[in-house]
N, C-alpha and C. Protein backbone atom coordinates (compact mmCIF):
# COMPACT_ATOMS: atom_id res chain seq x y z
N MET A 1 -4.80 16.74 3.06
CA MET A 1 -6.17 16.31 2.68
C MET A 1 -7.12 16.45 3.86
N ARG A 2 -8.18 17.16 3.64
CA ARG A 2 -9.17 17.33 4.73
C ARG A 2 -10.12 16.12 4.68
N LEU A 3 -10.25 15.49 5.81
CA LEU A 3 -11.12 14.26 5.92
C LEU A 3 -12.48 14.62 6.32
N ARG A 4 -13.45 14.06 5.66
CA ARG A 4 -14.85 14.28 5.99
C ARG A 4 -15.28 13.33 7.10
N ASN A 5 -15.83 13.88 8.13
CA ASN A 5 -16.22 13.03 9.26
C ASN A 5 -17.33 12.06 8.96
N LYS A 6 -17.21 10.88 9.31
CA LYS A 6 -18.22 9.82 9.09
C LYS A 6 -18.43 9.10 10.42
N PRO A 7 -19.21 9.61 11.32
CA PRO A 7 -19.37 9.06 12.64
C PRO A 7 -19.85 7.61 12.65
N TRP A 8 -20.49 7.17 11.62
CA TRP A 8 -21.07 5.80 11.54
C TRP A 8 -19.99 4.77 11.02
N ALA A 9 -18.84 5.30 10.54
CA ALA A 9 -17.88 4.43 9.94
C ALA A 9 -17.32 3.39 10.85
N SER A 10 -16.95 3.82 12.11
CA SER A 10 -16.30 2.95 13.09
C SER A 10 -17.15 1.77 13.41
N GLU A 11 -18.44 1.94 13.56
CA GLU A 11 -19.40 0.86 13.85
C GLU A 11 -19.45 -0.10 12.68
N MET A 12 -19.53 0.47 11.47
CA MET A 12 -19.62 -0.36 10.28
C MET A 12 -18.39 -1.24 10.12
N ILE A 13 -17.21 -0.64 10.39
CA ILE A 13 -15.97 -1.38 10.32
C ILE A 13 -15.96 -2.53 11.33
N ALA A 14 -16.36 -2.26 12.55
CA ALA A 14 -16.45 -3.17 13.64
C ALA A 14 -17.33 -4.39 13.23
N ASN A 15 -18.37 -4.05 12.50
CA ASN A 15 -19.45 -5.14 12.16
C ASN A 15 -19.01 -6.02 10.99
N HIS A 16 -17.77 -5.74 10.47
CA HIS A 16 -17.26 -6.55 9.33
C HIS A 16 -15.92 -7.04 9.58
N PRO A 17 -15.65 -7.85 10.58
CA PRO A 17 -14.35 -8.30 10.91
C PRO A 17 -13.77 -9.27 9.80
N GLN A 18 -14.61 -9.78 8.94
CA GLN A 18 -14.09 -10.60 7.87
C GLN A 18 -13.51 -9.78 6.74
N ILE A 19 -13.69 -8.46 6.83
CA ILE A 19 -13.06 -7.49 5.85
C ILE A 19 -11.91 -6.76 6.55
N VAL A 20 -12.22 -6.10 7.63
CA VAL A 20 -11.17 -5.40 8.45
C VAL A 20 -10.75 -6.20 9.66
N GLU A 21 -9.63 -6.75 9.63
CA GLU A 21 -9.15 -7.68 10.68
C GLU A 21 -8.99 -6.85 11.97
N PRO A 22 -9.80 -7.21 12.99
CA PRO A 22 -9.77 -6.41 14.27
C PRO A 22 -8.50 -6.60 15.10
N ASP A 23 -7.76 -7.72 14.93
CA ASP A 23 -6.63 -7.95 15.76
C ASP A 23 -5.42 -8.41 14.93
N PRO A 24 -4.89 -7.56 14.11
CA PRO A 24 -3.85 -8.00 13.17
C PRO A 24 -2.61 -8.47 13.85
N LYS A 25 -2.28 -8.05 15.06
CA LYS A 25 -1.12 -8.48 15.80
C LYS A 25 -1.21 -10.01 16.02
N ASN A 26 -2.40 -10.46 16.15
CA ASN A 26 -2.60 -11.91 16.35
C ASN A 26 -2.14 -12.75 15.18
N TRP A 27 -2.06 -12.15 13.98
CA TRP A 27 -1.74 -12.94 12.84
C TRP A 27 -0.28 -12.64 12.35
N LYS A 28 0.46 -11.92 13.13
CA LYS A 28 1.84 -11.59 12.65
C LYS A 28 2.59 -12.86 12.50
N GLY A 29 3.14 -13.00 11.32
CA GLY A 29 3.85 -14.19 10.98
C GLY A 29 3.04 -15.40 10.61
N ARG A 30 1.67 -15.20 10.61
CA ARG A 30 0.74 -16.28 10.32
C ARG A 30 -0.36 -15.91 9.39
N TRP A 31 -0.11 -14.97 8.54
CA TRP A 31 -1.16 -14.54 7.63
C TRP A 31 -1.62 -15.67 6.67
N SER A 32 -0.71 -16.56 6.39
CA SER A 32 -1.12 -17.66 5.54
C SER A 32 -2.17 -18.55 6.18
N GLU A 33 -2.18 -18.55 7.47
CA GLU A 33 -3.22 -19.32 8.20
C GLU A 33 -4.57 -18.61 8.09
N LEU A 34 -4.58 -17.25 8.16
CA LEU A 34 -5.87 -16.57 8.02
C LEU A 34 -6.41 -16.76 6.64
N PHE A 35 -5.55 -16.70 5.62
CA PHE A 35 -6.01 -16.86 4.26
C PHE A 35 -6.20 -18.31 3.86
N GLU A 36 -5.66 -19.23 4.71
CA GLU A 36 -5.79 -20.63 4.52
C GLU A 36 -5.12 -21.07 3.20
N ASN A 37 -4.02 -20.40 2.86
CA ASN A 37 -3.24 -20.86 1.71
C ASN A 37 -1.78 -20.28 1.84
N ASP A 38 -0.89 -20.66 0.96
CA ASP A 38 0.47 -20.12 0.95
C ASP A 38 0.77 -19.25 -0.18
N HIS A 39 -0.20 -18.56 -0.67
CA HIS A 39 -0.03 -17.59 -1.78
C HIS A 39 0.84 -16.44 -1.32
N PRO A 40 1.45 -15.74 -2.36
CA PRO A 40 2.29 -14.60 -2.01
C PRO A 40 1.51 -13.55 -1.24
N LEU A 41 2.11 -12.87 -0.33
CA LEU A 41 1.44 -11.81 0.42
C LEU A 41 1.88 -10.41 0.01
N HIS A 42 0.92 -9.72 -0.47
CA HIS A 42 1.20 -8.27 -1.02
C HIS A 42 0.47 -7.31 -0.13
N VAL A 43 1.09 -6.20 0.25
CA VAL A 43 0.58 -5.23 1.14
C VAL A 43 0.68 -3.83 0.55
N GLU A 44 -0.46 -3.03 0.56
CA GLU A 44 -0.37 -1.66 0.21
C GLU A 44 -0.45 -0.81 1.48
N VAL A 45 0.52 0.03 1.67
CA VAL A 45 0.50 0.95 2.77
C VAL A 45 -0.09 2.28 2.36
N GLY A 46 -1.02 2.76 3.30
CA GLY A 46 -1.82 3.95 2.91
C GLY A 46 -2.78 3.71 1.79
N THR A 47 -3.63 2.68 2.03
CA THR A 47 -4.43 2.11 0.93
C THR A 47 -5.62 3.08 0.60
N GLY A 48 -5.88 4.10 1.40
CA GLY A 48 -6.96 5.04 1.03
C GLY A 48 -8.29 4.35 0.95
N LYS A 49 -8.96 4.58 -0.11
CA LYS A 49 -10.40 4.09 -0.33
C LYS A 49 -10.43 2.70 -0.79
N GLY A 50 -9.33 2.06 -0.95
CA GLY A 50 -9.30 0.64 -1.24
C GLY A 50 -9.45 0.20 -2.67
N ARG A 51 -9.48 1.19 -3.64
CA ARG A 51 -9.76 0.75 -4.95
C ARG A 51 -8.60 -0.08 -5.56
N PHE A 52 -7.38 0.27 -5.17
CA PHE A 52 -6.22 -0.49 -5.69
C PHE A 52 -6.25 -1.91 -5.26
N VAL A 53 -6.41 -2.17 -3.93
CA VAL A 53 -6.37 -3.54 -3.37
C VAL A 53 -7.55 -4.33 -3.90
N THR A 54 -8.69 -3.74 -4.06
CA THR A 54 -9.84 -4.49 -4.51
C THR A 54 -9.69 -4.93 -6.02
N ARG A 55 -9.13 -3.94 -6.70
CA ARG A 55 -8.87 -4.31 -8.15
C ARG A 55 -7.75 -5.39 -8.25
N MET A 56 -6.76 -5.20 -7.43
CA MET A 56 -5.71 -6.17 -7.51
C MET A 56 -6.24 -7.55 -7.07
N GLY A 57 -7.14 -7.62 -6.09
CA GLY A 57 -7.71 -8.86 -5.61
C GLY A 57 -8.51 -9.53 -6.75
N GLU A 58 -9.21 -8.74 -7.55
CA GLU A 58 -9.99 -9.31 -8.65
C GLU A 58 -9.04 -9.82 -9.71
N GLN A 59 -8.05 -9.05 -10.04
CA GLN A 59 -7.16 -9.39 -11.12
C GLN A 59 -6.15 -10.46 -10.78
N TYR A 60 -5.85 -10.60 -9.54
CA TYR A 60 -4.83 -11.62 -9.15
C TYR A 60 -5.34 -12.46 -7.97
N PRO A 61 -6.25 -13.33 -8.20
CA PRO A 61 -6.79 -14.17 -7.10
C PRO A 61 -5.78 -15.17 -6.53
N GLU A 62 -4.65 -15.26 -7.11
CA GLU A 62 -3.64 -16.17 -6.67
C GLU A 62 -2.72 -15.42 -5.66
N ARG A 63 -2.97 -14.19 -5.33
CA ARG A 63 -2.28 -13.40 -4.32
C ARG A 63 -3.15 -13.07 -3.14
N ASN A 64 -2.55 -13.04 -1.95
CA ASN A 64 -3.22 -12.52 -0.79
C ASN A 64 -2.86 -11.04 -0.58
N ILE A 65 -3.85 -10.19 -0.46
CA ILE A 65 -3.62 -8.73 -0.61
C ILE A 65 -4.20 -8.11 0.67
N ILE A 66 -3.39 -7.27 1.27
CA ILE A 66 -3.81 -6.49 2.48
C ILE A 66 -3.60 -4.99 2.30
N GLY A 67 -4.61 -4.19 2.59
CA GLY A 67 -4.47 -2.78 2.51
C GLY A 67 -4.43 -2.17 3.90
N VAL A 68 -3.48 -1.29 4.21
CA VAL A 68 -3.34 -0.69 5.54
C VAL A 68 -3.70 0.80 5.41
N GLU A 69 -4.70 1.26 6.24
CA GLU A 69 -5.09 2.60 6.24
C GLU A 69 -5.61 2.97 7.65
N LYS A 70 -5.18 4.07 8.23
CA LYS A 70 -5.52 4.37 9.59
C LYS A 70 -6.77 5.19 9.83
N PHE A 71 -7.32 5.78 8.77
CA PHE A 71 -8.50 6.67 8.98
C PHE A 71 -9.82 5.96 8.67
N ASP A 72 -10.70 5.92 9.67
CA ASP A 72 -12.05 5.33 9.48
C ASP A 72 -12.72 5.90 8.28
N SER A 73 -12.75 7.24 8.23
CA SER A 73 -13.51 7.93 7.16
C SER A 73 -13.00 7.71 5.74
N VAL A 74 -11.81 7.15 5.66
CA VAL A 74 -11.23 6.78 4.34
C VAL A 74 -11.38 5.35 4.05
N ILE A 75 -10.95 4.51 4.99
CA ILE A 75 -10.98 3.08 4.66
C ILE A 75 -12.43 2.56 4.54
N ILE A 76 -13.43 3.21 5.09
CA ILE A 76 -14.78 2.78 4.97
C ILE A 76 -15.22 2.55 3.55
N THR A 77 -14.69 3.33 2.62
CA THR A 77 -15.07 3.18 1.21
C THR A 77 -14.60 1.80 0.72
N GLY A 78 -13.37 1.36 1.17
CA GLY A 78 -12.89 0.04 0.85
C GLY A 78 -13.75 -1.05 1.38
N VAL A 79 -14.22 -0.78 2.65
CA VAL A 79 -15.16 -1.75 3.28
C VAL A 79 -16.39 -1.90 2.44
N GLU A 80 -16.95 -0.83 1.96
CA GLU A 80 -18.15 -0.83 1.19
C GLU A 80 -17.92 -1.56 -0.10
N ARG A 81 -16.74 -1.37 -0.71
CA ARG A 81 -16.45 -2.05 -1.97
C ARG A 81 -16.45 -3.57 -1.74
N LEU A 82 -15.85 -4.01 -0.57
CA LEU A 82 -15.79 -5.44 -0.32
C LEU A 82 -17.06 -6.06 0.22
N ILE A 83 -17.95 -5.28 0.70
CA ILE A 83 -19.29 -5.74 1.09
C ILE A 83 -20.07 -5.98 -0.25
N GLU A 84 -19.91 -5.12 -1.16
CA GLU A 84 -20.58 -5.22 -2.44
C GLU A 84 -20.03 -6.34 -3.31
N ASN A 85 -18.72 -6.50 -3.24
CA ASN A 85 -17.98 -7.46 -4.04
C ASN A 85 -17.02 -8.22 -3.18
N PRO A 86 -17.49 -9.17 -2.38
CA PRO A 86 -16.59 -9.89 -1.45
C PRO A 86 -15.42 -10.61 -2.22
N GLN A 87 -14.27 -10.50 -1.59
CA GLN A 87 -13.07 -11.10 -2.04
C GLN A 87 -12.28 -11.86 -0.94
N GLU A 88 -12.17 -13.07 -1.05
CA GLU A 88 -11.57 -13.93 0.00
C GLU A 88 -10.09 -13.65 0.12
N ASN A 89 -9.51 -13.14 -0.93
CA ASN A 89 -8.01 -12.89 -0.87
C ASN A 89 -7.68 -11.45 -0.50
N VAL A 90 -8.59 -10.64 -0.09
CA VAL A 90 -8.32 -9.26 0.33
C VAL A 90 -8.79 -9.01 1.76
N ARG A 91 -7.85 -8.31 2.51
CA ARG A 91 -8.24 -7.87 3.85
C ARG A 91 -7.71 -6.45 4.02
N LEU A 92 -8.37 -5.79 4.93
CA LEU A 92 -8.05 -4.41 5.27
C LEU A 92 -7.61 -4.35 6.72
N LEU A 93 -6.61 -3.44 7.01
CA LEU A 93 -6.27 -3.21 8.38
C LEU A 93 -6.43 -1.70 8.69
N LYS A 94 -7.22 -1.35 9.71
CA LYS A 94 -7.36 0.05 10.11
C LYS A 94 -6.24 0.32 11.18
N GLU A 95 -5.10 0.54 10.59
CA GLU A 95 -3.93 0.66 11.48
C GLU A 95 -3.00 1.74 10.88
N ASP A 96 -2.00 2.14 11.69
CA ASP A 96 -1.02 3.12 11.32
C ASP A 96 0.22 2.38 10.74
N VAL A 97 0.66 2.83 9.60
CA VAL A 97 1.82 2.23 8.93
C VAL A 97 3.09 2.32 9.77
N ASN A 98 3.11 3.30 10.70
CA ASN A 98 4.30 3.34 11.58
C ASN A 98 4.46 2.07 12.40
N GLU A 99 3.40 1.29 12.56
CA GLU A 99 3.41 0.14 13.44
C GLU A 99 3.39 -1.16 12.60
N ILE A 100 3.79 -1.04 11.33
CA ILE A 100 3.66 -2.16 10.42
C ILE A 100 4.40 -3.41 10.88
N THR A 101 5.54 -3.26 11.59
CA THR A 101 6.26 -4.40 12.08
C THR A 101 5.55 -5.16 13.16
N ASP A 102 4.49 -4.53 13.71
CA ASP A 102 3.72 -5.23 14.78
C ASP A 102 2.69 -6.21 14.11
N PHE A 103 2.49 -6.00 12.80
CA PHE A 103 1.42 -6.80 12.16
C PHE A 103 1.97 -7.85 11.17
N PHE A 104 3.21 -7.61 10.73
CA PHE A 104 3.78 -8.57 9.80
C PHE A 104 5.18 -9.06 10.33
N GLY A 105 5.37 -10.35 10.19
CA GLY A 105 6.55 -10.91 10.73
C GLY A 105 7.80 -10.72 9.84
N GLU A 106 8.93 -11.06 10.41
CA GLU A 106 10.21 -10.91 9.65
C GLU A 106 10.17 -11.73 8.42
N LYS A 107 10.48 -11.12 7.20
CA LYS A 107 10.53 -11.79 5.98
C LYS A 107 9.20 -12.51 5.58
N GLU A 108 8.09 -11.83 5.96
CA GLU A 108 6.78 -12.46 5.65
C GLU A 108 6.15 -11.90 4.38
N VAL A 109 6.43 -10.70 3.95
CA VAL A 109 5.76 -10.00 2.86
C VAL A 109 6.58 -10.10 1.55
N ASP A 110 5.84 -10.54 0.50
CA ASP A 110 6.50 -10.62 -0.78
C ASP A 110 6.62 -9.24 -1.49
N ARG A 111 5.60 -8.44 -1.33
CA ARG A 111 5.70 -7.12 -2.03
C ARG A 111 4.87 -6.04 -1.29
N LEU A 112 5.46 -4.85 -1.30
CA LEU A 112 4.80 -3.70 -0.75
C LEU A 112 4.48 -2.65 -1.81
N TYR A 113 3.31 -2.10 -1.74
CA TYR A 113 2.93 -1.01 -2.65
C TYR A 113 2.82 0.28 -1.90
N ILE A 114 3.41 1.33 -2.48
CA ILE A 114 3.26 2.67 -1.99
C ILE A 114 2.68 3.52 -3.11
N ASN A 115 1.41 3.91 -3.09
CA ASN A 115 0.79 4.54 -4.18
C ASN A 115 0.30 5.99 -3.77
N PHE A 116 0.84 7.01 -4.46
CA PHE A 116 0.37 8.38 -4.33
C PHE A 116 0.26 8.82 -2.89
N THR A 117 1.27 8.60 -2.18
CA THR A 117 1.35 8.99 -0.77
C THR A 117 1.56 10.47 -0.59
N ASP A 118 1.22 11.01 0.50
CA ASP A 118 1.38 12.44 0.78
C ASP A 118 2.83 12.79 0.65
N PRO A 119 3.22 13.74 -0.12
CA PRO A 119 4.65 14.05 -0.34
C PRO A 119 5.33 14.81 0.82
N TRP A 120 4.57 15.38 1.69
CA TRP A 120 5.08 16.14 2.91
C TRP A 120 6.27 17.01 2.40
N PRO A 121 6.02 18.02 1.60
CA PRO A 121 7.13 18.76 0.91
C PRO A 121 8.04 19.56 1.78
N LYS A 122 7.66 19.89 2.99
CA LYS A 122 8.48 20.69 3.88
C LYS A 122 9.57 19.73 4.49
N ASN A 123 10.80 20.23 4.56
CA ASN A 123 11.92 19.44 5.06
C ASN A 123 11.67 19.04 6.43
N ARG A 124 11.03 19.80 7.24
CA ARG A 124 10.85 19.38 8.67
C ARG A 124 9.91 18.19 8.86
N HIS A 125 9.18 17.93 7.75
CA HIS A 125 8.18 16.75 7.67
C HIS A 125 8.74 15.59 7.00
N ALA A 126 10.06 15.60 6.73
CA ALA A 126 10.61 14.43 5.90
C ALA A 126 10.39 13.13 6.50
N LYS A 127 10.44 13.02 7.83
CA LYS A 127 10.31 11.70 8.51
C LYS A 127 8.93 11.07 8.30
N ARG A 128 7.98 11.86 7.82
CA ARG A 128 6.64 11.42 7.69
C ARG A 128 6.42 10.72 6.24
N ARG A 129 7.34 11.01 5.31
CA ARG A 129 7.27 10.48 4.03
C ARG A 129 7.50 8.94 4.09
N LEU A 130 6.59 8.20 3.38
CA LEU A 130 6.62 6.74 3.51
C LEU A 130 7.79 6.12 2.80
N THR A 131 8.66 6.98 2.21
CA THR A 131 9.91 6.41 1.66
C THR A 131 11.13 6.96 2.43
N HIS A 132 10.88 7.46 3.63
CA HIS A 132 11.95 7.94 4.51
C HIS A 132 12.68 6.71 5.04
N GLU A 133 13.96 6.93 5.43
CA GLU A 133 14.77 5.87 5.94
C GLU A 133 14.05 5.07 7.14
N GLY A 134 13.39 5.81 7.98
CA GLY A 134 12.70 5.18 9.08
C GLY A 134 11.72 4.18 8.64
N PHE A 135 10.93 4.44 7.63
CA PHE A 135 9.95 3.47 7.02
C PHE A 135 10.70 2.33 6.32
N LEU A 136 11.77 2.70 5.54
CA LEU A 136 12.48 1.74 4.78
C LEU A 136 13.00 0.64 5.67
N GLN A 137 13.48 1.05 6.88
CA GLN A 137 13.96 0.03 7.81
C GLN A 137 12.90 -0.96 8.14
N LYS A 138 11.67 -0.49 8.43
CA LYS A 138 10.55 -1.35 8.74
C LYS A 138 10.21 -2.26 7.55
N TYR A 139 10.20 -1.72 6.36
CA TYR A 139 9.92 -2.54 5.21
C TYR A 139 10.93 -3.61 4.98
N ALA A 140 12.21 -3.23 5.18
CA ALA A 140 13.34 -4.24 4.99
C ALA A 140 13.16 -5.33 5.94
N GLU A 141 12.61 -5.12 7.15
CA GLU A 141 12.45 -6.16 8.11
C GLU A 141 11.35 -7.17 7.71
N ILE A 142 10.22 -6.67 7.17
CA ILE A 142 9.15 -7.59 6.82
C ILE A 142 9.16 -8.20 5.45
N LEU A 143 9.99 -7.58 4.54
CA LEU A 143 10.05 -8.11 3.14
C LEU A 143 10.91 -9.38 3.03
N LYS A 144 10.47 -10.30 2.25
CA LYS A 144 11.27 -11.54 1.99
C LYS A 144 12.57 -11.13 1.31
N GLU A 145 13.52 -12.13 1.22
CA GLU A 145 14.82 -11.80 0.62
C GLU A 145 14.66 -11.33 -0.83
N ASP A 146 13.69 -11.80 -1.56
CA ASP A 146 13.45 -11.44 -2.96
C ASP A 146 12.26 -10.49 -3.05
N GLY A 147 11.87 -9.87 -1.91
CA GLY A 147 10.70 -9.03 -1.91
C GLY A 147 11.00 -7.65 -2.63
N GLU A 148 9.91 -6.98 -2.98
CA GLU A 148 10.04 -5.70 -3.71
C GLU A 148 9.09 -4.64 -3.11
N ILE A 149 9.52 -3.37 -3.44
CA ILE A 149 8.61 -2.28 -3.15
C ILE A 149 8.24 -1.69 -4.53
N HIS A 150 6.96 -1.57 -4.79
CA HIS A 150 6.52 -0.86 -6.03
C HIS A 150 5.95 0.56 -5.61
N PHE A 151 6.44 1.51 -6.13
CA PHE A 151 6.24 2.88 -5.75
C PHE A 151 5.69 3.73 -6.94
N LYS A 152 4.62 4.42 -6.77
CA LYS A 152 4.11 5.32 -7.81
C LYS A 152 3.72 6.69 -7.15
N THR A 153 3.91 7.75 -7.89
CA THR A 153 3.57 9.04 -7.39
C THR A 153 3.42 10.00 -8.63
N ASP A 154 2.71 11.11 -8.42
CA ASP A 154 2.63 12.16 -9.42
C ASP A 154 3.56 13.30 -9.07
N ASN A 155 4.21 13.19 -7.94
CA ASN A 155 5.03 14.24 -7.38
C ASN A 155 6.56 14.02 -7.69
N GLN A 156 7.04 14.89 -8.57
CA GLN A 156 8.43 14.71 -9.00
C GLN A 156 9.43 14.91 -7.88
N GLY A 157 9.17 15.83 -6.95
CA GLY A 157 10.07 16.02 -5.86
C GLY A 157 10.12 14.77 -4.92
N LEU A 158 8.95 14.19 -4.66
CA LEU A 158 8.93 13.07 -3.82
C LEU A 158 9.63 11.89 -4.46
N PHE A 159 9.42 11.77 -5.84
CA PHE A 159 10.06 10.71 -6.58
C PHE A 159 11.56 10.76 -6.52
N GLU A 160 12.15 11.98 -6.73
CA GLU A 160 13.56 12.16 -6.63
C GLU A 160 14.09 11.93 -5.23
N TYR A 161 13.29 12.39 -4.23
CA TYR A 161 13.70 12.06 -2.88
C TYR A 161 13.71 10.64 -2.61
N SER A 162 12.72 9.91 -3.08
CA SER A 162 12.57 8.50 -2.82
C SER A 162 13.72 7.69 -3.50
N ILE A 163 14.10 8.10 -4.67
CA ILE A 163 15.20 7.41 -5.34
C ILE A 163 16.46 7.60 -4.48
N GLU A 164 16.76 8.79 -3.99
CA GLU A 164 17.95 9.01 -3.14
C GLU A 164 17.83 8.21 -1.77
N SER A 165 16.65 8.30 -1.18
CA SER A 165 16.52 7.68 0.15
C SER A 165 16.63 6.13 -0.01
N MET A 166 16.02 5.53 -1.04
CA MET A 166 16.11 4.11 -1.23
C MET A 166 17.54 3.62 -1.62
N THR A 167 18.17 4.27 -2.53
CA THR A 167 19.52 3.95 -2.86
C THR A 167 20.49 4.15 -1.76
N ASN A 168 20.33 5.18 -1.01
CA ASN A 168 21.25 5.40 0.18
C ASN A 168 21.03 4.29 1.22
N PHE A 169 19.81 3.76 1.35
CA PHE A 169 19.47 2.77 2.35
C PHE A 169 20.13 1.40 1.85
N GLY A 170 20.24 1.23 0.55
CA GLY A 170 20.78 -0.03 0.09
C GLY A 170 19.84 -0.77 -0.92
N PHE A 171 18.74 -0.18 -1.25
CA PHE A 171 17.76 -0.75 -2.21
C PHE A 171 18.37 -0.59 -3.58
N LYS A 172 18.14 -1.57 -4.47
CA LYS A 172 18.49 -1.46 -5.87
C LYS A 172 17.19 -1.09 -6.58
N LEU A 173 17.33 -0.36 -7.69
CA LEU A 173 16.08 0.05 -8.45
C LEU A 173 16.00 -0.62 -9.87
N LYS A 174 14.82 -0.89 -10.28
CA LYS A 174 14.57 -1.40 -11.57
C LYS A 174 13.23 -0.86 -12.14
N ASN A 175 13.08 -0.98 -13.36
CA ASN A 175 11.79 -0.53 -14.01
C ASN A 175 11.37 0.87 -13.61
N VAL A 176 12.37 1.73 -13.62
CA VAL A 176 12.13 3.12 -13.30
C VAL A 176 11.50 3.89 -14.46
N SER A 177 10.32 4.48 -14.23
CA SER A 177 9.63 5.22 -15.32
C SER A 177 9.38 6.64 -14.87
N LEU A 178 9.70 7.57 -15.77
CA LEU A 178 9.43 8.99 -15.57
C LEU A 178 8.12 9.47 -16.21
N ASP A 179 7.48 8.52 -16.89
CA ASP A 179 6.19 8.82 -17.49
C ASP A 179 5.49 7.49 -17.76
N LEU A 180 4.96 6.91 -16.71
CA LEU A 180 4.40 5.53 -16.75
C LEU A 180 3.51 5.29 -17.87
N HIS A 181 2.55 6.20 -18.10
CA HIS A 181 1.54 5.85 -19.11
C HIS A 181 2.00 6.08 -20.49
N LYS A 182 3.28 6.44 -20.73
CA LYS A 182 3.84 6.52 -22.00
C LYS A 182 4.90 5.36 -22.15
N SER A 183 4.95 4.53 -21.18
CA SER A 183 5.84 3.38 -21.23
C SER A 183 5.09 2.17 -21.78
N GLU A 184 5.78 1.01 -21.84
CA GLU A 184 5.20 -0.19 -22.39
C GLU A 184 4.83 -1.09 -21.20
N MET A 185 4.75 -0.65 -19.99
CA MET A 185 4.36 -1.48 -18.86
C MET A 185 3.01 -2.09 -19.08
N LYS A 186 2.85 -3.31 -18.74
CA LYS A 186 1.59 -4.00 -18.84
C LYS A 186 1.07 -4.33 -17.43
N ASP A 187 -0.24 -4.59 -17.36
CA ASP A 187 -0.85 -4.98 -16.09
C ASP A 187 -0.75 -3.94 -15.00
N ASN A 188 -0.80 -2.68 -15.38
CA ASN A 188 -0.81 -1.61 -14.35
C ASN A 188 -2.17 -1.40 -13.78
N VAL A 189 -2.35 -1.66 -12.53
CA VAL A 189 -3.63 -1.41 -11.83
C VAL A 189 -3.61 0.01 -11.31
N MET A 190 -4.56 0.86 -11.77
CA MET A 190 -4.57 2.26 -11.36
C MET A 190 -5.38 2.53 -10.10
N THR A 191 -4.89 3.52 -9.42
CA THR A 191 -5.68 4.07 -8.25
C THR A 191 -6.55 5.18 -8.62
N GLU A 192 -7.36 5.67 -7.73
CA GLU A 192 -8.29 6.83 -8.09
C GLU A 192 -7.40 8.02 -8.49
N TYR A 193 -6.36 8.32 -7.63
CA TYR A 193 -5.57 9.41 -7.96
C TYR A 193 -4.85 9.28 -9.34
N GLU A 194 -4.43 8.10 -9.62
CA GLU A 194 -3.67 7.86 -10.89
C GLU A 194 -4.60 8.16 -12.08
N GLU A 195 -5.81 7.65 -12.01
CA GLU A 195 -6.73 7.97 -13.16
C GLU A 195 -7.04 9.44 -13.22
N LYS A 196 -7.17 10.12 -12.10
CA LYS A 196 -7.46 11.51 -12.10
C LYS A 196 -6.28 12.37 -12.70
N PHE A 197 -5.07 12.09 -12.17
CA PHE A 197 -3.94 12.82 -12.64
C PHE A 197 -3.59 12.55 -14.07
N SER A 198 -3.58 11.23 -14.43
CA SER A 198 -3.19 10.91 -15.82
C SER A 198 -4.19 11.45 -16.84
N SER A 199 -5.48 11.52 -16.46
CA SER A 199 -6.48 12.10 -17.39
C SER A 199 -6.25 13.56 -17.61
N LYS A 200 -5.51 14.22 -16.77
CA LYS A 200 -5.14 15.63 -16.96
C LYS A 200 -3.74 15.78 -17.68
N GLY A 201 -3.27 14.68 -18.09
CA GLY A 201 -1.93 14.70 -18.79
C GLY A 201 -0.76 14.83 -17.87
N MET A 202 -0.96 14.58 -16.59
CA MET A 202 0.21 14.66 -15.57
C MET A 202 1.02 13.41 -15.67
N ARG A 203 2.32 13.59 -15.46
CA ARG A 203 3.18 12.39 -15.42
C ARG A 203 3.00 11.58 -14.18
N ILE A 204 3.09 10.29 -14.37
CA ILE A 204 3.14 9.37 -13.30
C ILE A 204 4.49 8.73 -13.20
N TYR A 205 5.11 8.80 -12.03
CA TYR A 205 6.48 8.27 -11.83
C TYR A 205 6.36 6.97 -11.09
N ARG A 206 7.22 6.04 -11.50
CA ARG A 206 7.08 4.74 -10.91
C ARG A 206 8.50 4.07 -10.78
N LEU A 207 8.67 3.21 -9.80
CA LEU A 207 9.88 2.45 -9.69
C LEU A 207 9.58 1.18 -8.86
N GLU A 208 10.55 0.21 -9.05
CA GLU A 208 10.52 -0.99 -8.23
C GLU A 208 11.86 -1.05 -7.51
N ALA A 209 11.82 -1.36 -6.23
CA ALA A 209 13.03 -1.46 -5.39
C ALA A 209 13.15 -2.82 -4.74
N TYR A 210 14.40 -3.22 -4.62
CA TYR A 210 14.67 -4.52 -3.94
C TYR A 210 16.03 -4.53 -3.25
N LEU A 211 16.24 -5.36 -2.28
CA LEU A 211 17.52 -5.37 -1.59
C LEU A 211 18.42 -6.49 -2.11
């Protein structure tokens, strides 16, 4: 994906610390204090433009939701969404998912979402896939004992790889769908990519994983 440069984005992000937490390491293991409640903590890795987390925040006010995205020029759209429609239960982190264990404590997260991540199809790039063993190890560290990963993609190859990677790591799978929008699943919050792909008749693959 080619990113459009937005030189003004970093300043705008810095001016809204109530939306993009400037020092997430400070809240590691203490996110309930920042949100001032003990609601379940849900995290989307690679949150992109923030549509999913903002829609989740609206639909589920009883959840604390955090979106993690490292690119200024991408996350800024999520910032704009939350300026226009403030949500006390949603925060964004402009951070790299590789460092996720620096921001969340052991067994602190109830659910992780991985939505339409880059498939990195070349074998030499496998370690960059967000369902690679290296990332799964980090997720396992921060997920609660009954925590789950909810994964969606339009890429069959990545889906098959993720099933193998997760099961080899020790995750169990449930609610596996090879064509989500032809299933009976309720309360599915769609991302921008999901709406785009499904409108073209493309399959959406989905699964839930737990240890």
